Amino acid sequence: MLQIDRNLFQEIVTEEEFDRLSPGCTGYIGFEPSGIPHIAQILLVGERIRALSKAGVKMTILLADWHAMINDKLGGDLQEIRKSGELMKKAFEISLSGQNISYLWASELIDRKGYLEGLIRTAKATTLSRLKRALPIMGRTENDAESDFSKFIYPVMQVNDIAMLDVDIAMGGMDQRHAHMLQRDVAEKMGIKKVKALHTPLMSSLKGSGRMDSFQKMSKSDPDGAILITDSEDDIRRKMKGAYCPQGIAVGNPVMEIIDRIIMPAVGTVRINRPEKKGGPLSLESSSELLRHYTEGQIHPVDLKAAAADYLVQIMRPYSGLLKE
């Protein structure tokens, strides 16, 4: 059995199947290169890739250049997409230093013998209505696909990628759930390996949603709503100062998420420098302590944001030279 903290993942499909895996099994995660990556990709997801690798999973990061082109990222310019992919790879090499991670371009995978046959067989094992339900994996709707048929090819490619890589684990954010469930459905019909799906939590936009019943994820398409991995110290502090951080409310609070999911795993104990009249410095050693103190009003949003900015500046220092290389 793999020795890994299951709490790193929001969902495992299925727990019973995952329990049967052992060191030496294989896994992958795909990323569309589409600009400068943000901290949710390189740090939050990177921590989970590292955990799987340390547990003995042979992990591959798929740099999904053709997928990004289909999804109109960077204007569909493959040259720019590949430049972005090289930057992402360099960032992961820093984040995952010491781990044996494989990197593969989707264009290399597509060139492999049998890819087209697999794509067609996958397409024959599903329906148009099923593909429409999978479109949210690329942030698209049915209307987008009606004007560009290639959008329907995208989920078929993603399912076929898993088969071509012959992996045991497919990892992705909760927004990739539709693709992984489609693979499991298609695999059953085709009599091939059904992938185990590990879904990571999504990081909220720094701007928040403004509503408790909606969610806006951190996205590099909105630079002021995300901490980009190459942001300067001034950028980090400015963005954190303006981040949505309602007093006493943890749900949907991006500053709380950053401390809980990125900073605490990296540094352990987090120190909040409160003014003496507000109780003085406070050290937090666990997520439960952070949650309790914040929801009980013992930490002011201004102090929480300042602490998050200080730690992010420290954690992100190794990435500062990426754009200069």
Protein backbone atom coordinates (compact mmCIF):
# COMPACT_ATOMS: atom_id res chain seq x y z
CA MET A 1 0.00 0.00 0.00
CA LEU A 2 1.17 3.54 -0.75
CA GLN A 3 2.11 5.51 2.35
CA ILE A 4 0.63 8.92 1.68
CA ASP A 5 -1.48 11.48 3.53
CA ARG A 6 -4.94 11.06 1.98
CA ASN A 7 -5.94 14.48 3.33
CA LEU A 8 -3.84 16.07 0.60
CA PHE A 9 -6.61 15.18 -1.82
CA GLN A 10 -10.19 16.36 -1.87
CA GLU A 11 -11.36 13.13 -3.49
CA ILE A 12 -9.96 9.70 -4.36
CA VAL A 13 -11.86 7.57 -6.88
CA THR A 14 -12.02 5.01 -5.55
CA GLU A 15 -10.47 4.58 -2.10
CA GLU A 16 -10.71 0.79 -2.37
CA GLU A 17 -8.90 0.71 -5.72
CA PHE A 18 -6.24 3.13 -4.49
CA ASP A 19 -5.62 0.89 -1.47
CA ARG A 20 -4.52 -1.89 -3.82
CA LEU A 21 -1.72 0.19 -5.36
CA SER A 22 1.87 -0.26 -4.25
CA PRO A 23 5.21 1.52 -4.77
CA GLY A 24 6.32 1.25 -8.39
CA CYS A 25 2.90 2.12 -9.81
CA THR A 26 2.57 4.99 -12.29
CA GLY A 27 0.73 8.29 -12.37
CA TYR A 28 0.38 11.45 -14.40
CA ILE A 29 -0.97 14.97 -14.32
CA GLY A 30 -1.44 17.23 -17.32
CA PHE A 31 -1.10 21.01 -17.55
CA GLU A 32 -2.02 23.38 -20.35
CA PRO A 33 0.89 25.82 -20.73
CA SER A 34 -0.83 29.17 -21.00
CA GLY A 35 1.36 31.85 -19.50
CA ILE A 36 3.21 32.25 -16.21
CA PRO A 37 2.03 29.52 -13.80
CA HIS A 38 0.53 30.48 -10.46
CA ILE A 39 1.21 29.16 -6.97
CA ALA A 40 -1.76 26.77 -6.92
CA GLN A 41 -0.15 24.87 -9.80
CA ILE A 42 3.51 24.91 -8.82
CA LEU A 43 3.25 24.90 -5.01
CA LEU A 44 -0.11 23.38 -4.03
CA VAL A 45 -0.25 20.73 -6.77
CA GLY A 46 3.53 20.42 -6.71
CA GLU A 47 3.41 19.38 -3.05
CA ARG A 48 0.99 16.59 -3.95
CA ILE A 49 3.10 15.42 -6.88
CA ARG A 50 6.07 15.32 -4.50
CA ALA A 51 4.08 13.29 -1.96
CA LEU A 52 3.15 10.69 -4.59
CA SER A 53 6.72 10.53 -5.87
CA LYS A 54 8.11 10.05 -2.36
CA ALA A 55 5.57 7.26 -1.82
CA GLY A 56 7.02 5.43 -4.83
CA VAL A 57 4.69 6.51 -7.65
CA LYS A 58 6.49 7.05 -10.97
CA MET A 59 5.00 10.42 -11.91
CA THR A 60 4.84 12.04 -15.36
CA ILE A 61 3.95 15.67 -15.96
CA LEU A 62 2.29 16.06 -19.35
CA LEU A 63 2.90 19.48 -20.90
CA ALA A 64 -0.31 19.61 -22.90
CA ASP A 65 0.66 21.87 -25.79
CA TRP A 66 -1.92 20.63 -28.30
CA HIS A 67 -4.64 20.73 -25.67
CA ALA A 68 -3.74 24.36 -24.95
CA MET A 69 -3.91 25.15 -28.65
CA ILE A 70 -7.37 23.58 -28.96
CA ASN A 71 -8.42 25.60 -25.91
CA ASP A 72 -7.22 28.84 -27.57
CA LYS A 73 -4.60 29.53 -24.91
CA LEU A 74 -2.07 32.21 -25.86
CA GLY A 75 -4.06 32.81 -29.04
CA GLY A 76 -3.55 29.19 -30.10
CA ASP A 77 0.10 29.98 -30.95
CA LEU A 78 1.98 26.69 -30.44
CA GLN A 79 5.35 28.43 -30.32
CA GLU A 80 4.24 30.68 -27.46
CA ILE A 81 2.51 27.75 -25.75
CA ARG A 82 5.75 25.76 -25.82
CA LYS A 83 7.73 28.70 -24.41
CA SER A 84 5.20 28.76 -21.58
CA GLY A 85 5.59 25.00 -21.15
CA GLU A 86 9.36 25.33 -20.79
CA LEU A 87 8.84 27.94 -18.06
CA MET A 88 6.40 25.65 -16.27
CA LYS A 89 8.86 22.77 -16.50
CA LYS A 90 11.64 24.90 -14.97
CA ALA A 91 9.31 25.95 -12.14
CA PHE A 92 8.41 22.33 -11.39
CA GLU A 93 12.07 21.31 -11.47
CA ILE A 94 12.58 23.77 -8.59
CA SER A 95 9.41 22.75 -6.74
CA LEU A 96 10.11 19.03 -7.17
CA SER A 97 13.85 19.12 -6.69
CA GLY A 98 15.18 15.74 -5.60
CA GLN A 99 12.28 13.78 -7.08
CA ASN A 100 12.51 11.60 -10.19
CA ILE A 101 9.78 13.19 -12.31
CA SER A 102 9.33 12.56 -16.05
CA TYR A 103 8.21 15.34 -18.39
CA LEU A 104 6.46 14.68 -21.69
CA TRP A 105 4.99 16.99 -24.30
CA ALA A 106 1.54 16.08 -25.61
CA SER A 107 2.95 16.52 -29.12
CA GLU A 108 5.42 13.69 -28.38
CA LEU A 109 2.64 11.47 -27.07
CA ILE A 110 0.44 12.16 -30.10
CA ASP A 111 3.29 11.12 -32.41
CA ARG A 112 3.45 7.66 -30.82
CA LYS A 113 2.24 4.70 -32.82
CA GLY A 114 -1.35 3.83 -32.01
CA TYR A 115 -2.44 7.26 -30.76
CA LEU A 116 -4.85 7.91 -33.63
CA GLU A 117 -6.33 4.42 -33.37
CA GLY A 118 -6.81 4.90 -29.64
CA LEU A 119 -8.44 8.29 -30.22
CA ILE A 120 -10.96 6.80 -32.63
CA ARG A 121 -11.71 3.80 -30.42
CA THR A 122 -12.20 6.12 -27.44
CA ALA A 123 -14.56 8.32 -29.46
CA LYS A 124 -16.59 5.26 -30.50
CA ALA A 125 -16.97 4.25 -26.85
CA THR A 126 -18.71 7.48 -25.82
CA THR A 127 -21.46 9.81 -27.01
CA LEU A 128 -21.77 13.46 -27.93
CA SER A 129 -23.98 14.16 -24.93
CA ARG A 130 -21.36 12.58 -22.64
CA LEU A 131 -18.63 14.73 -24.21
CA LYS A 132 -20.73 17.85 -23.69
CA ARG A 133 -20.86 17.09 -19.97
CA ALA A 134 -17.03 16.90 -19.94
CA LEU A 135 -16.45 20.35 -21.49
CA PRO A 136 -16.03 22.09 -18.08
CA ILE A 137 -12.60 20.39 -17.81
CA MET A 138 -11.32 23.05 -20.20
CA GLY A 139 -13.40 25.90 -18.82
CA ARG A 140 -15.76 25.70 -21.80
CA THR A 141 -19.48 25.35 -22.40
CA GLU A 142 -21.55 23.59 -25.03
CA ASN A 143 -21.94 26.90 -26.85
CA ASP A 144 -18.17 27.21 -27.23
CA ALA A 145 -18.01 23.78 -28.84
CA GLU A 146 -20.89 24.53 -31.21
CA SER A 147 -18.71 27.12 -32.96
CA ASP A 148 -15.47 25.08 -32.79
CA PHE A 149 -15.77 21.30 -33.10
CA SER A 150 -12.18 20.75 -31.89
CA LYS A 151 -13.45 21.47 -28.36
CA PHE A 152 -15.26 18.10 -28.47
CA ILE A 153 -11.97 16.38 -29.38
CA TYR A 154 -10.27 17.66 -26.23
CA PRO A 155 -11.91 15.30 -23.67
CA VAL A 156 -11.43 12.36 -26.07
CA MET A 157 -7.73 13.24 -26.26
CA GLN A 158 -7.44 13.47 -22.48
CA VAL A 159 -8.99 10.03 -22.04
CA ASN A 160 -6.77 8.58 -24.77
CA ASP A 161 -3.69 10.20 -23.18
CA ILE A 162 -4.33 8.16 -20.04
CA ALA A 163 -4.58 4.94 -22.07
CA MET A 164 -1.43 5.71 -24.08
CA LEU A 165 0.55 6.50 -20.93
CA ASP A 166 -0.83 3.30 -19.34
CA VAL A 167 -0.86 4.90 -15.89
CA ASP A 168 -2.50 3.67 -12.71
CA ILE A 169 -3.26 7.16 -11.35
CA ALA A 170 -4.63 10.28 -13.01
CA MET A 171 -4.22 13.37 -10.87
CA GLY A 172 -5.84 16.76 -11.37
CA GLY A 173 -7.88 19.48 -9.76
CA MET A 174 -11.53 18.93 -8.96
CA ASP A 175 -12.27 20.66 -12.27
CA GLN A 176 -10.78 17.61 -14.05
CA ARG A 177 -13.22 15.19 -12.48
CA HIS A 178 -15.41 14.96 -15.60
CA ALA A 179 -12.46 13.75 -17.71
CA HIS A 180 -11.43 11.12 -15.20
CA MET A 181 -14.99 9.82 -14.82
CA LEU A 182 -15.26 9.71 -18.62
CA GLN A 183 -12.08 7.62 -18.75
CA ARG A 184 -13.44 5.19 -16.18
CA ASP A 185 -16.69 4.87 -18.13
CA VAL A 186 -14.91 4.38 -21.47
CA ALA A 187 -12.35 1.96 -19.99
CA GLU A 188 -15.14 -0.30 -18.74
CA LYS A 189 -16.68 -0.42 -22.22
CA MET A 190 -13.32 -0.98 -23.93
CA GLY A 191 -12.04 -3.54 -21.43
CA ILE A 192 -8.91 -1.53 -20.59
CA LYS A 193 -7.36 -0.29 -17.33
CA LYS A 194 -9.66 1.93 -15.29
CA VAL A 195 -7.62 4.78 -13.82
CA LYS A 196 -7.66 5.73 -10.13
CA ALA A 197 -8.40 9.45 -9.89
CA LEU A 198 -6.87 11.78 -7.33
CA HIS A 199 -8.44 15.23 -7.17
CA THR A 200 -6.71 18.17 -5.54
CA PRO A 201 -8.57 21.14 -4.04
CA LEU A 202 -8.87 24.27 -6.15
CA MET A 203 -7.46 27.56 -4.88
CA SER A 204 -9.83 30.52 -4.74
CA SER A 205 -9.17 33.70 -6.69
CA LEU A 206 -7.62 36.43 -4.54
CA LYS A 207 -10.63 38.56 -5.46
CA GLY A 208 -13.03 36.06 -3.89
CA SER A 209 -16.42 35.29 -5.34
CA GLY A 210 -18.42 37.86 -3.45
CA ARG A 211 -21.04 35.16 -2.89
CA MET A 212 -21.06 32.15 -0.62
CA ASP A 213 -22.75 29.93 -3.23
CA SER A 214 -20.29 30.51 -6.07
CA PHE A 215 -16.61 29.79 -6.63
CA GLN A 216 -13.95 31.49 -8.73
CA LYS A 217 -10.67 29.64 -8.92
CA MET A 218 -7.24 31.21 -9.04
CA SER A 219 -6.34 31.74 -12.68
CA LYS A 220 -3.35 33.29 -14.43
CA SER A 221 -5.79 34.85 -16.90
CA ASP A 222 -6.57 37.30 -14.08
CA PRO A 223 -3.12 38.30 -12.76
CA ASP A 224 -4.54 40.36 -9.88
CA GLY A 225 -6.57 37.35 -8.76
CA ALA A 226 -3.54 35.06 -8.62
CA ILE A 227 -0.04 34.96 -7.19
CA LEU A 228 2.13 34.14 -10.19
CA ILE A 229 5.23 32.07 -9.50
CA THR A 230 7.50 34.86 -10.82
CA ASP A 231 5.82 37.72 -8.92
CA SER A 232 8.19 40.17 -7.26
CA GLU A 233 8.11 40.87 -3.54
CA ASP A 234 6.26 44.11 -4.23
CA ASP A 235 3.69 42.26 -6.38
CA ILE A 236 3.13 39.63 -3.69
CA ARG A 237 2.61 42.20 -0.96
CA ARG A 238 0.33 44.36 -3.12
CA LYS A 239 -1.84 41.42 -4.16
CA MET A 240 -2.09 40.02 -0.65
CA LYS A 241 -2.98 43.44 0.75
CA GLY A 242 -5.90 43.66 -1.66
CA ALA A 243 -7.00 40.02 -1.30
CA TYR A 244 -10.54 39.13 -0.28
CA CYS A 245 -10.36 38.17 3.40
CA PRO A 246 -13.66 38.58 5.30
CA GLN A 247 -13.16 38.82 9.04
CA GLY A 248 -13.92 35.57 10.89
CA ILE A 249 -14.95 33.71 7.72
CA ALA A 250 -12.75 30.86 6.49
CA VAL A 251 -14.88 29.36 3.70
CA GLY A 252 -14.01 30.90 0.34
CA ASN A 253 -11.23 32.94 1.97
CA PRO A 254 -8.18 32.77 -0.35
CA VAL A 255 -5.77 34.05 2.32
CA MET A 256 -6.78 31.26 4.69
CA GLU A 257 -6.38 28.75 1.84
CA ILE A 258 -2.89 29.99 1.01
CA ILE A 259 -1.73 29.69 4.62
CA ASP A 260 -3.39 26.31 5.15
CA ARG A 261 -2.53 24.63 1.83
CA ILE A 262 0.76 26.22 0.79
CA ILE A 263 2.50 27.96 3.67
CA MET A 264 1.91 25.51 6.55
CA PRO A 265 3.09 22.46 4.55
CA ALA A 266 6.24 24.38 3.59
CA VAL A 267 7.23 25.95 6.92
CA GLY A 268 5.31 24.12 9.64
CA THR A 269 4.58 26.60 12.41
CA VAL A 270 3.15 29.92 11.22
CA ARG A 271 3.66 33.07 13.28
CA ILE A 272 1.06 35.84 13.14
CA ASN A 273 2.50 39.14 14.33
CA ARG A 274 -0.49 40.69 16.07
CA PRO A 275 -0.15 44.05 17.87
CA GLU A 276 0.36 43.74 21.62
CA LYS A 277 -3.06 45.28 22.28
CA LYS A 278 -4.57 42.46 20.21
CA GLY A 279 -2.77 39.70 22.09
CA GLY A 280 0.73 39.91 20.64
CA PRO A 281 2.45 37.36 18.36
CA LEU A 282 0.61 34.07 17.85
CA SER A 283 2.16 30.78 16.71
CA LEU A 284 -0.03 28.27 14.90
CA GLU A 285 1.07 24.67 14.41
CA SER A 286 -1.96 23.15 12.68
CA SER A 287 -4.82 23.90 10.31
CA SER A 288 -7.31 23.37 13.13
CA GLU A 289 -5.57 26.03 15.23
CA LEU A 290 -5.58 28.46 12.31
CA LEU A 291 -9.28 27.84 11.68
CA ARG A 292 -10.27 28.19 15.32
CA HIS A 293 -8.33 31.38 16.01
CA TYR A 294 -9.51 33.07 12.81
CA THR A 295 -13.19 32.17 13.08
CA GLU A 296 -13.22 33.20 16.74
CA GLY A 297 -11.96 36.65 15.77
CA GLN A 298 -8.55 36.32 17.40
CA ILE A 299 -6.72 37.15 14.15
CA HIS A 300 -7.48 40.32 12.18
CA PRO A 301 -7.47 40.05 8.36
CA VAL A 302 -4.75 42.70 8.12
CA ASP A 303 -2.40 40.61 10.30
CA LEU A 304 -3.31 37.41 8.43
CA LYS A 305 -2.55 39.01 5.07
CA ALA A 306 0.75 40.42 6.31
CA ALA A 307 1.85 36.99 7.57
CA ALA A 308 0.83 35.31 4.30
CA ALA A 309 2.80 37.88 2.29
CA ASP A 310 5.91 37.48 4.45
CA TYR A 311 5.94 33.70 4.10
CA LEU A 312 5.16 33.73 0.37
CA VAL A 313 8.06 36.11 -0.27
CA GLN A 314 10.32 33.61 1.51
CA ILE A 315 8.90 30.49 -0.17
CA MET A 316 8.92 31.97 -3.68
CA ARG A 317 12.47 33.36 -3.58
CA PRO A 318 13.93 30.36 -5.52
CA TYR A 319 11.66 31.17 -8.48
CA SER A 320 12.62 34.85 -8.77
CA GLY A 321 15.07 34.35 -11.63
CA LEU A 322 12.91 32.19 -13.88
CA LEU A 323 12.02 34.93 -16.37
CA LYS A 324 15.69 35.93 -16.68
CA GLU A 325 16.88 32.50 -17.80
